[in-house]
Amino acid sequence: MIAWALNFLLPVFFTTLIVLIAYPPSRPFLFPSVPLALVSATSGDLQKPKAGLLGSNSSLTGAPEKHRGEAVEQEASNFVSSFAQITLSAAAGEHPENKLQDEEGVIDTNVPDPTSLVAGAMDAKKSTKDGTPNEHDKTKVPMEEAMWHQLRPIMHIIGDIADGWERFAKYTPLEKDD
């Protein structure tokens, strides 16, 4: 307002532009960044962090951390374990949408769930690494939900392709040996 009132608007604008180009440390001062956990990746709007609270500025979930980078490391570890768990559940034919089948009694409950065994093994490995249980890991559930949300359409497409392949295979003529 003062630059506009004194007719110094263009000199202030160009000086600011030169400072931004010539002195990069001025950029965070003039344009502070927003933590990644507060911005929606799909719409760009503000959102509540996936961990429930904003404990770190550098992680996607906003999980609290004791040391710098701890939440990002937990997210990476949970990403890999969630991917392994989803791969195993796809091979076993189980996923979170099977609750309806479970209510109907179609799923055999005598056989242990392989995905829970993998999750238990990963949790045991993490807790023995540093000797503390992973009760404070607020990145696990958001990362699992994000992985399922992103991979569910891909898994449906693969299933549709496999079903189509099977349907077409029924109608192909078999060759006879003469």
N, C-alpha and C. Protein backbone atom coordinates (compact mmCIF):
# COMPACT_ATOMS: atom_id res chain seq x y z
N MET A 1 0.83 -1.18 0.00
CA MET A 1 0.00 0.00 0.00
C MET A 1 0.88 1.25 0.00
N ILE A 2 1.97 1.21 0.76
CA ILE A 2 2.86 2.39 0.82
C ILE A 2 3.52 2.60 -0.53
N ALA A 3 3.97 1.50 -1.19
CA ALA A 3 4.59 1.62 -2.51
C ALA A 3 3.60 2.16 -3.52
N TRP A 4 2.35 1.77 -3.42
CA TRP A 4 1.33 2.26 -4.33
C TRP A 4 1.05 3.74 -4.06
N ALA A 5 0.97 4.12 -2.78
CA ALA A 5 0.68 5.51 -2.43
C ALA A 5 1.82 6.45 -2.86
N LEU A 6 3.06 5.99 -2.77
CA LEU A 6 4.21 6.82 -3.13
C LEU A 6 4.63 6.65 -4.59
N ASN A 7 3.86 5.87 -5.35
CA ASN A 7 4.10 5.65 -6.75
C ASN A 7 5.44 4.91 -6.99
N PHE A 8 5.75 3.98 -6.10
CA PHE A 8 6.94 3.15 -6.23
C PHE A 8 6.58 1.69 -6.49
N LEU A 9 5.43 1.45 -7.05
CA LEU A 9 4.96 0.08 -7.22
C LEU A 9 5.86 -0.73 -8.17
N LEU A 10 6.21 -0.18 -9.33
CA LEU A 10 7.05 -0.90 -10.27
C LEU A 10 8.47 -1.11 -9.74
N PRO A 11 9.12 -0.11 -9.13
CA PRO A 11 10.46 -0.38 -8.57
C PRO A 11 10.45 -1.46 -7.48
N VAL A 12 9.43 -1.45 -6.63
CA VAL A 12 9.34 -2.48 -5.58
C VAL A 12 9.11 -3.86 -6.21
N PHE A 13 8.26 -3.93 -7.22
CA PHE A 13 7.98 -5.19 -7.90
C PHE A 13 9.25 -5.75 -8.53
N PHE A 14 9.97 -4.93 -9.30
CA PHE A 14 11.18 -5.41 -9.97
C PHE A 14 12.31 -5.72 -8.99
N THR A 15 12.41 -4.96 -7.90
CA THR A 15 13.41 -5.25 -6.87
C THR A 15 13.12 -6.60 -6.22
N THR A 16 11.86 -6.85 -5.93
CA THR A 16 11.47 -8.13 -5.35
C THR A 16 11.77 -9.28 -6.31
N LEU A 17 11.50 -9.09 -7.59
CA LEU A 17 11.77 -10.10 -8.60
C LEU A 17 13.27 -10.39 -8.69
N ILE A 18 14.10 -9.37 -8.67
CA ILE A 18 15.55 -9.54 -8.74
C ILE A 18 16.06 -10.26 -7.49
N VAL A 19 15.52 -9.90 -6.33
CA VAL A 19 15.93 -10.56 -5.09
C VAL A 19 15.55 -12.04 -5.13
N LEU A 20 14.36 -12.36 -5.64
CA LEU A 20 13.95 -13.76 -5.74
C LEU A 20 14.86 -14.55 -6.67
N ILE A 21 15.31 -13.95 -7.75
CA ILE A 21 16.17 -14.64 -8.71
C ILE A 21 17.61 -14.72 -8.20
N ALA A 22 18.13 -13.64 -7.66
CA ALA A 22 19.54 -13.57 -7.29
C ALA A 22 19.83 -14.18 -5.92
N TYR A 23 18.87 -14.20 -5.00
CA TYR A 23 19.11 -14.66 -3.63
C TYR A 23 18.07 -15.73 -3.27
N PRO A 24 18.31 -17.00 -3.60
CA PRO A 24 17.33 -18.07 -3.37
C PRO A 24 16.85 -18.24 -1.92
N PRO A 25 17.67 -17.95 -0.88
CA PRO A 25 17.13 -18.08 0.48
C PRO A 25 15.95 -17.14 0.78
N SER A 26 15.72 -16.15 -0.06
CA SER A 26 14.58 -15.26 0.17
C SER A 26 13.26 -15.91 -0.23
N ARG A 27 13.31 -16.97 -1.05
CA ARG A 27 12.08 -17.61 -1.53
C ARG A 27 11.24 -18.20 -0.41
N PRO A 28 11.81 -19.01 0.51
CA PRO A 28 10.97 -19.54 1.60
C PRO A 28 10.44 -18.44 2.53
N PHE A 29 11.19 -17.34 2.64
CA PHE A 29 10.74 -16.25 3.49
C PHE A 29 9.51 -15.56 2.89
N LEU A 30 9.55 -15.31 1.59
CA LEU A 30 8.43 -14.64 0.93
C LEU A 30 7.26 -15.57 0.61
N PHE A 31 7.58 -16.85 0.33
CA PHE A 31 6.55 -17.83 -0.03
C PHE A 31 6.73 -19.08 0.82
N PRO A 32 6.30 -19.06 2.08
CA PRO A 32 6.48 -20.24 2.94
C PRO A 32 5.65 -21.42 2.43
N SER A 33 6.21 -22.60 2.55
CA SER A 33 5.53 -23.80 2.04
C SER A 33 4.51 -24.31 3.06
N VAL A 34 3.56 -25.04 2.56
CA VAL A 34 2.54 -25.68 3.38
C VAL A 34 2.95 -27.13 3.55
N PRO A 35 2.80 -27.72 4.73
CA PRO A 35 3.14 -29.14 4.88
C PRO A 35 2.35 -30.02 3.91
N LEU A 36 2.98 -31.05 3.40
CA LEU A 36 2.37 -31.93 2.41
C LEU A 36 1.10 -32.60 2.93
N ALA A 37 1.04 -32.87 4.23
CA ALA A 37 -0.10 -33.58 4.80
C ALA A 37 -1.37 -32.73 4.79
N LEU A 38 -1.23 -31.42 4.66
CA LEU A 38 -2.39 -30.53 4.71
C LEU A 38 -3.00 -30.26 3.34
N VAL A 39 -2.35 -30.73 2.27
CA VAL A 39 -2.83 -30.44 0.92
C VAL A 39 -3.32 -31.74 0.27
N SER A 40 -4.52 -31.70 -0.27
CA SER A 40 -5.07 -32.87 -0.97
C SER A 40 -4.36 -33.04 -2.31
N ALA A 41 -3.97 -34.27 -2.61
CA ALA A 41 -3.25 -34.54 -3.86
C ALA A 41 -4.18 -34.48 -5.07
N THR A 42 -5.46 -34.70 -4.88
CA THR A 42 -6.39 -34.72 -6.01
C THR A 42 -6.95 -33.35 -6.33
N SER A 43 -7.30 -32.57 -5.29
CA SER A 43 -7.95 -31.29 -5.56
C SER A 43 -7.08 -30.08 -5.24
N GLY A 44 -6.06 -30.24 -4.40
CA GLY A 44 -5.22 -29.11 -4.01
C GLY A 44 -5.80 -28.32 -2.86
N ASP A 45 -6.93 -28.74 -2.33
CA ASP A 45 -7.55 -28.05 -1.20
C ASP A 45 -6.88 -28.47 0.10
N LEU A 46 -7.15 -27.69 1.15
CA LEU A 46 -6.66 -28.06 2.47
C LEU A 46 -7.46 -29.23 3.00
N GLN A 47 -6.79 -30.09 3.76
CA GLN A 47 -7.44 -31.26 4.33
C GLN A 47 -6.86 -31.54 5.71
N LYS A 48 -7.55 -32.37 6.46
CA LYS A 48 -7.04 -32.82 7.75
C LYS A 48 -5.97 -33.87 7.48
N PRO A 49 -4.84 -33.86 8.19
CA PRO A 49 -3.80 -34.86 7.95
C PRO A 49 -4.33 -36.27 8.17
N LYS A 50 -3.82 -37.21 7.40
CA LYS A 50 -4.29 -38.60 7.48
C LYS A 50 -3.98 -39.25 8.82
N ALA A 51 -2.93 -38.80 9.50
CA ALA A 51 -2.59 -39.35 10.81
C ALA A 51 -3.47 -38.78 11.91
N GLY A 52 -4.30 -37.80 11.61
CA GLY A 52 -5.19 -37.21 12.60
C GLY A 52 -4.67 -35.91 13.18
N LEU A 53 -3.36 -35.71 13.13
CA LEU A 53 -2.77 -34.47 13.62
C LEU A 53 -1.52 -34.18 12.82
N LEU A 54 -1.10 -32.94 12.84
CA LEU A 54 0.09 -32.55 12.09
C LEU A 54 1.30 -32.59 13.02
N GLY A 55 2.11 -33.63 12.89
CA GLY A 55 3.28 -33.79 13.74
C GLY A 55 4.58 -33.59 13.00
N SER A 56 4.54 -33.60 11.65
CA SER A 56 5.75 -33.37 10.87
C SER A 56 5.38 -32.64 9.59
N ASN A 57 6.31 -31.85 9.10
CA ASN A 57 6.07 -31.06 7.90
C ASN A 57 6.46 -31.79 6.62
N SER A 58 7.29 -32.82 6.72
CA SER A 58 7.82 -33.45 5.51
C SER A 58 7.12 -34.74 5.12
N SER A 59 6.26 -35.27 5.97
CA SER A 59 5.62 -36.56 5.65
C SER A 59 4.27 -36.34 4.99
N LEU A 60 3.80 -37.38 4.28
CA LEU A 60 2.51 -37.30 3.61
C LEU A 60 1.34 -37.47 4.56
N THR A 61 1.55 -38.19 5.65
CA THR A 61 0.48 -38.41 6.61
C THR A 61 0.47 -37.40 7.73
N GLY A 62 1.57 -36.71 7.96
CA GLY A 62 1.65 -35.73 9.05
C GLY A 62 1.86 -36.37 10.40
N ALA A 63 2.32 -37.62 10.42
CA ALA A 63 2.50 -38.36 11.67
C ALA A 63 3.55 -37.70 12.54
N PRO A 64 3.38 -37.78 13.86
CA PRO A 64 4.39 -37.20 14.76
C PRO A 64 5.70 -37.98 14.68
N GLU A 65 6.79 -37.29 14.94
CA GLU A 65 8.10 -37.93 14.88
C GLU A 65 8.98 -37.40 16.00
N LYS A 66 9.85 -38.28 16.51
CA LYS A 66 10.80 -37.89 17.54
C LYS A 66 12.05 -37.27 16.93
N HIS A 67 12.44 -37.80 15.77
CA HIS A 67 13.62 -37.32 15.07
C HIS A 67 13.22 -36.93 13.65
N ARG A 68 13.95 -35.99 13.08
CA ARG A 68 13.64 -35.50 11.74
C ARG A 68 13.73 -36.65 10.73
N GLY A 69 12.68 -36.85 9.94
CA GLY A 69 12.65 -37.88 8.92
C GLY A 69 12.10 -39.22 9.39
N GLU A 70 11.77 -39.34 10.66
CA GLU A 70 11.28 -40.61 11.18
C GLU A 70 9.92 -40.98 10.57
N ALA A 71 9.02 -40.01 10.42
CA ALA A 71 7.70 -40.29 9.86
C ALA A 71 7.81 -40.71 8.39
N VAL A 72 8.70 -40.08 7.65
CA VAL A 72 8.88 -40.44 6.24
C VAL A 72 9.44 -41.87 6.14
N GLU A 73 10.34 -42.22 7.03
CA GLU A 73 10.90 -43.57 7.04
C GLU A 73 9.82 -44.60 7.39
N GLN A 74 8.96 -44.27 8.34
CA GLN A 74 7.85 -45.18 8.68
C GLN A 74 6.89 -45.32 7.51
N GLU A 75 6.63 -44.22 6.82
CA GLU A 75 5.75 -44.28 5.65
C GLU A 75 6.32 -45.19 4.57
N ALA A 76 7.62 -45.07 4.32
CA ALA A 76 8.26 -45.91 3.31
C ALA A 76 8.21 -47.39 3.71
N SER A 77 8.47 -47.67 4.97
CA SER A 77 8.41 -49.04 5.45
C SER A 77 6.99 -49.59 5.36
N ASN A 78 6.01 -48.79 5.74
CA ASN A 78 4.61 -49.23 5.66
C ASN A 78 4.14 -49.35 4.21
N PHE A 79 4.68 -48.55 3.32
CA PHE A 79 4.36 -48.67 1.90
C PHE A 79 4.78 -50.03 1.38
N VAL A 80 6.01 -50.43 1.68
CA VAL A 80 6.53 -51.71 1.20
C VAL A 80 5.77 -52.87 1.83
N SER A 81 5.54 -52.81 3.14
CA SER A 81 4.82 -53.91 3.80
C SER A 81 3.37 -53.97 3.33
N SER A 82 2.74 -52.84 3.07
CA SER A 82 1.36 -52.84 2.56
C SER A 82 1.31 -53.42 1.16
N PHE A 83 2.30 -53.10 0.34
CA PHE A 83 2.35 -53.66 -1.01
C PHE A 83 2.51 -55.17 -0.96
N ALA A 84 3.37 -55.65 -0.06
CA ALA A 84 3.56 -57.10 0.09
C ALA A 84 2.28 -57.75 0.60
N GLN A 85 1.61 -57.11 1.53
CA GLN A 85 0.37 -57.65 2.08
C GLN A 85 -0.73 -57.69 1.01
N ILE A 86 -0.83 -56.65 0.19
CA ILE A 86 -1.83 -56.62 -0.87
C ILE A 86 -1.53 -57.68 -1.93
N THR A 87 -0.25 -57.86 -2.26
CA THR A 87 0.13 -58.88 -3.22
C THR A 87 -0.24 -60.27 -2.71
N LEU A 88 0.05 -60.52 -1.44
CA LEU A 88 -0.27 -61.82 -0.86
C LEU A 88 -1.78 -62.02 -0.77
N SER A 89 -2.52 -60.98 -0.41
CA SER A 89 -3.97 -61.13 -0.31
C SER A 89 -4.59 -61.33 -1.69
N ALA A 90 -4.00 -60.73 -2.73
CA ALA A 90 -4.50 -60.96 -4.09
C ALA A 90 -4.25 -62.40 -4.52
N ALA A 91 -3.09 -62.93 -4.15
CA ALA A 91 -2.79 -64.32 -4.49
C ALA A 91 -3.68 -65.29 -3.70
N ALA A 92 -4.03 -64.92 -2.47
CA ALA A 92 -4.88 -65.78 -1.64
C ALA A 92 -6.36 -65.57 -1.93
N GLY A 93 -6.69 -64.52 -2.67
CA GLY A 93 -8.09 -64.24 -2.99
C GLY A 93 -8.84 -63.53 -1.89
N GLU A 94 -8.12 -62.85 -1.02
CA GLU A 94 -8.77 -62.14 0.08
C GLU A 94 -8.49 -60.66 -0.04
N HIS A 95 -9.48 -59.86 0.29
CA HIS A 95 -9.33 -58.42 0.34
C HIS A 95 -10.41 -57.87 1.27
N PRO A 96 -10.34 -56.59 1.64
CA PRO A 96 -11.28 -56.04 2.62
C PRO A 96 -12.74 -56.14 2.20
N GLU A 97 -13.03 -56.30 0.93
CA GLU A 97 -14.43 -56.38 0.50
C GLU A 97 -15.02 -57.78 0.73
N ASN A 98 -14.24 -58.72 1.25
CA ASN A 98 -14.74 -60.07 1.49
C ASN A 98 -15.55 -60.20 2.77
N LYS A 99 -15.85 -59.12 3.44
CA LYS A 99 -16.62 -59.18 4.69
C LYS A 99 -18.01 -59.77 4.44
N LEU A 100 -18.62 -59.51 3.29
CA LEU A 100 -19.93 -60.05 2.97
C LEU A 100 -19.85 -61.57 2.84
N GLN A 101 -18.82 -62.07 2.18
CA GLN A 101 -18.66 -63.52 2.07
C GLN A 101 -18.43 -64.14 3.44
N ASP A 102 -17.72 -63.45 4.31
CA ASP A 102 -17.45 -63.95 5.64
C ASP A 102 -18.75 -64.06 6.44
N GLU A 103 -19.66 -63.10 6.27
CA GLU A 103 -20.94 -63.14 6.97
C GLU A 103 -21.82 -64.28 6.46
N GLU A 104 -21.70 -64.63 5.19
CA GLU A 104 -22.49 -65.71 4.61
C GLU A 104 -21.92 -67.08 4.94
N GLY A 105 -20.73 -67.13 5.53
CA GLY A 105 -20.13 -68.40 5.90
C GLY A 105 -19.40 -69.10 4.77
N VAL A 106 -19.04 -68.38 3.71
CA VAL A 106 -18.35 -68.97 2.58
C VAL A 106 -16.87 -69.18 2.88
N ILE A 107 -16.28 -68.27 3.65
CA ILE A 107 -14.86 -68.32 3.93
C ILE A 107 -14.61 -69.30 5.08
N ASP A 108 -13.64 -70.19 4.89
CA ASP A 108 -13.29 -71.17 5.91
C ASP A 108 -12.48 -70.47 6.99
N THR A 109 -12.98 -70.47 8.21
CA THR A 109 -12.29 -69.78 9.30
C THR A 109 -11.25 -70.66 9.98
N ASN A 110 -11.17 -71.94 9.63
CA ASN A 110 -10.17 -72.83 10.23
C ASN A 110 -8.78 -72.57 9.67
N VAL A 111 -8.72 -72.04 8.45
CA VAL A 111 -7.44 -71.76 7.81
C VAL A 111 -7.00 -70.36 8.22
N PRO A 112 -5.75 -70.20 8.70
CA PRO A 112 -5.31 -68.86 9.11
C PRO A 112 -5.20 -67.92 7.91
N ASP A 113 -5.47 -66.66 8.16
CA ASP A 113 -5.40 -65.64 7.12
C ASP A 113 -3.94 -65.32 6.82
N PRO A 114 -3.45 -65.54 5.59
CA PRO A 114 -2.04 -65.30 5.30
C PRO A 114 -1.66 -63.83 5.39
N THR A 115 -2.60 -62.93 5.13
CA THR A 115 -2.26 -61.51 5.20
C THR A 115 -2.03 -61.06 6.63
N SER A 116 -2.80 -61.61 7.58
CA SER A 116 -2.57 -61.24 8.98
C SER A 116 -1.26 -61.83 9.48
N LEU A 117 -0.86 -62.99 8.94
CA LEU A 117 0.43 -63.56 9.32
C LEU A 117 1.58 -62.68 8.85
N VAL A 118 1.48 -62.16 7.61
CA VAL A 118 2.52 -61.28 7.08
C VAL A 118 2.57 -59.98 7.88
N ALA A 119 1.39 -59.42 8.17
CA ALA A 119 1.35 -58.17 8.94
C ALA A 119 1.94 -58.38 10.32
N GLY A 120 1.63 -59.50 10.94
CA GLY A 120 2.19 -59.80 12.26
C GLY A 120 3.70 -59.98 12.21
N ALA A 121 4.19 -60.63 11.15
CA ALA A 121 5.63 -60.82 11.01
C ALA A 121 6.34 -59.49 10.79
N MET A 122 5.74 -58.61 9.98
CA MET A 122 6.35 -57.29 9.75
C MET A 122 6.37 -56.46 11.03
N ASP A 123 5.29 -56.50 11.80
CA ASP A 123 5.25 -55.78 13.07
C ASP A 123 6.28 -56.34 14.05
N ALA A 124 6.43 -57.66 14.08
CA ALA A 124 7.41 -58.27 14.97
C ALA A 124 8.82 -57.87 14.57
N LYS A 125 9.08 -57.83 13.27
CA LYS A 125 10.41 -57.44 12.79
C LYS A 125 10.72 -55.98 13.17
N LYS A 126 9.72 -55.11 12.99
CA LYS A 126 9.94 -53.70 13.32
C LYS A 126 10.15 -53.50 14.82
N SER A 127 9.41 -54.24 15.64
CA SER A 127 9.54 -54.04 17.09
C SER A 127 10.84 -54.62 17.63
N THR A 128 11.38 -55.66 16.99
CA THR A 128 12.64 -56.22 17.46
C THR A 128 13.84 -55.42 16.99
N LYS A 129 13.67 -54.61 15.96
CA LYS A 129 14.80 -53.83 15.45
C LYS A 129 15.30 -52.84 16.51
N ASP A 130 14.36 -52.13 17.13
CA ASP A 130 14.78 -51.15 18.13
C ASP A 130 14.29 -51.50 19.53
N GLY A 131 13.58 -52.63 19.68
CA GLY A 131 13.15 -53.08 21.00
C GLY A 131 11.87 -52.46 21.51
N THR A 132 11.26 -51.56 20.74
CA THR A 132 10.02 -50.93 21.19
C THR A 132 8.87 -51.37 20.29
N PRO A 133 7.70 -51.59 20.87
CA PRO A 133 6.56 -51.96 20.03
C PRO A 133 6.12 -50.79 19.17
N ASN A 134 5.45 -51.09 18.06
CA ASN A 134 5.04 -50.07 17.10
C ASN A 134 3.64 -49.56 17.38
N GLU A 135 3.32 -49.27 18.61
CA GLU A 135 1.99 -48.78 18.94
C GLU A 135 1.80 -47.32 18.55
N HIS A 136 2.89 -46.57 18.45
CA HIS A 136 2.80 -45.14 18.14
C HIS A 136 2.90 -44.85 16.65
N ASP A 137 2.96 -45.87 15.81
CA ASP A 137 3.10 -45.69 14.37
C ASP A 137 1.76 -45.26 13.78
N LYS A 138 1.61 -43.98 13.54
CA LYS A 138 0.35 -43.45 13.01
C LYS A 138 0.34 -43.42 11.48
N THR A 139 1.37 -43.97 10.84
CA THR A 139 1.41 -43.99 9.38
C THR A 139 0.91 -45.29 8.79
N LYS A 140 0.76 -46.34 9.61
CA LYS A 140 0.41 -47.66 9.09
C LYS A 140 -0.98 -47.69 8.45
N VAL A 141 -1.99 -47.28 9.18
CA VAL A 141 -3.37 -47.34 8.66
C VAL A 141 -3.56 -46.42 7.46
N PRO A 142 -3.09 -45.15 7.50
CA PRO A 142 -3.26 -44.31 6.31
C PRO A 142 -2.55 -44.84 5.08
N MET A 143 -1.37 -45.44 5.25
CA MET A 143 -0.65 -45.97 4.10
C MET A 143 -1.36 -47.21 3.54
N GLU A 144 -1.88 -48.07 4.42
CA GLU A 144 -2.63 -49.24 3.94
C GLU A 144 -3.87 -48.81 3.17
N GLU A 145 -4.60 -47.82 3.71
CA GLU A 145 -5.81 -47.34 3.03
C GLU A 145 -5.47 -46.70 1.69
N ALA A 146 -4.39 -45.94 1.65
CA ALA A 146 -3.98 -45.31 0.39
C ALA A 146 -3.58 -46.36 -0.64
N MET A 147 -2.86 -47.38 -0.21
CA MET A 147 -2.45 -48.44 -1.13
C MET A 147 -3.67 -49.18 -1.67
N TRP A 148 -4.61 -49.54 -0.80
CA TRP A 148 -5.81 -50.24 -1.27
C TRP A 148 -6.62 -49.35 -2.20
N HIS A 149 -6.70 -48.07 -1.87
CA HIS A 149 -7.47 -47.14 -2.70
C HIS A 149 -6.88 -47.02 -4.10
N GLN A 150 -5.55 -47.00 -4.20
CA GLN A 150 -4.91 -46.85 -5.50
C GLN A 150 -4.84 -48.16 -6.28
N LEU A 151 -4.69 -49.29 -5.59
CA LEU A 151 -4.51 -50.56 -6.30
C LEU A 151 -5.81 -51.30 -6.57
N ARG A 152 -6.88 -50.96 -5.89
CA ARG A 152 -8.15 -51.66 -6.10
C ARG A 152 -8.62 -51.59 -7.56
N PRO A 153 -8.61 -50.42 -8.22
CA PRO A 153 -9.02 -50.40 -9.63
C PRO A 153 -8.12 -51.25 -10.53
N ILE A 154 -6.84 -51.24 -10.26
CA ILE A 154 -5.91 -52.05 -11.06
C ILE A 154 -6.20 -53.53 -10.87
N MET A 155 -6.47 -53.93 -9.64
CA MET A 155 -6.78 -55.33 -9.37
C MET A 155 -8.09 -55.74 -10.03
N HIS A 156 -9.06 -54.84 -10.08
CA HIS A 156 -10.32 -55.14 -10.76
C HIS A 156 -10.10 -55.30 -12.26
N ILE A 157 -9.26 -54.46 -12.84
CA ILE A 157 -8.95 -54.56 -14.27
C ILE A 157 -8.27 -55.88 -14.57
N ILE A 158 -7.29 -56.26 -13.76
CA ILE A 158 -6.60 -57.53 -13.97
C ILE A 158 -7.59 -58.69 -13.85
N GLY A 159 -8.48 -58.61 -12.87
CA GLY A 159 -9.51 -59.65 -12.72
C GLY A 159 -10.44 -59.72 -13.91
N ASP A 160 -10.84 -58.57 -14.44
CA ASP A 160 -11.70 -58.55 -15.62
C ASP A 160 -10.99 -59.14 -16.84
N ILE A 161 -9.72 -58.84 -17.00
CA ILE A 161 -8.95 -59.40 -18.12
C ILE A 161 -8.85 -60.92 -17.98
N ALA A 162 -8.58 -61.39 -16.75
CA ALA A 162 -8.49 -62.84 -16.53
C ALA A 162 -9.84 -63.52 -16.78
N ASP A 163 -10.94 -62.90 -16.36
CA ASP A 163 -12.26 -63.46 -16.60
C ASP A 163 -12.57 -63.51 -18.10
N GLY A 164 -12.25 -62.44 -18.81
CA GLY A 164 -12.47 -62.42 -20.26
C GLY A 164 -11.64 -63.47 -20.97
N TRP A 165 -10.39 -63.63 -20.54
CA TRP A 165 -9.52 -64.64 -21.13
C TRP A 165 -10.11 -66.04 -20.91
N GLU A 166 -10.61 -66.27 -19.71
CA GLU A 166 -11.20 -67.57 -19.40
C GLU A 166 -12.46 -67.81 -20.23
N ARG A 167 -13.28 -66.80 -20.40
CA ARG A 167 -14.51 -66.95 -21.19
C ARG A 167 -14.19 -67.26 -22.66
N PHE A 168 -13.21 -66.56 -23.23
CA PHE A 168 -12.85 -66.82 -24.61
C PHE A 168 -12.17 -68.17 -24.77
N ALA A 169 -11.48 -68.63 -23.74
CA ALA A 169 -10.80 -69.92 -23.81
C ALA A 169 -11.80 -71.07 -23.86
N LYS A 170 -13.00 -70.88 -23.31
CA LYS A 170 -14.02 -71.92 -23.33
C LYS A 170 -14.50 -72.19 -24.75
N TYR A 171 -14.48 -71.19 -25.60
CA TYR A 171 -15.07 -71.31 -26.92
C TYR A 171 -14.07 -71.57 -28.03
N THR A 172 -12.83 -71.74 -27.69
CA THR A 172 -11.86 -72.04 -28.73
C THR A 172 -11.91 -73.54 -29.01
N PRO A 173 -11.91 -73.91 -30.27
CA PRO A 173 -11.98 -75.33 -30.59
C PRO A 173 -10.68 -76.04 -30.21
N LEU A 174 -10.83 -77.23 -29.70
CA LEU A 174 -9.66 -78.04 -29.34
C LEU A 174 -9.18 -78.76 -30.59
N GLU A 175 -7.89 -78.89 -30.76
CA GLU A 175 -7.33 -79.60 -31.89
C GLU A 175 -7.35 -81.09 -31.61
N LYS A 176 -7.75 -81.86 -32.57
CA LYS A 176 -7.81 -83.32 -32.41
C LYS A 176 -6.58 -83.93 -33.04
N ASP A 177 -6.07 -84.91 -32.36
CA ASP A 177 -4.93 -85.66 -32.91
C ASP A 177 -5.47 -86.71 -33.86
N ASP A 178 -5.00 -86.74 -35.08
CA ASP A 178 -5.45 -87.74 -36.05
C ASP A 178 -4.52 -88.92 -36.11
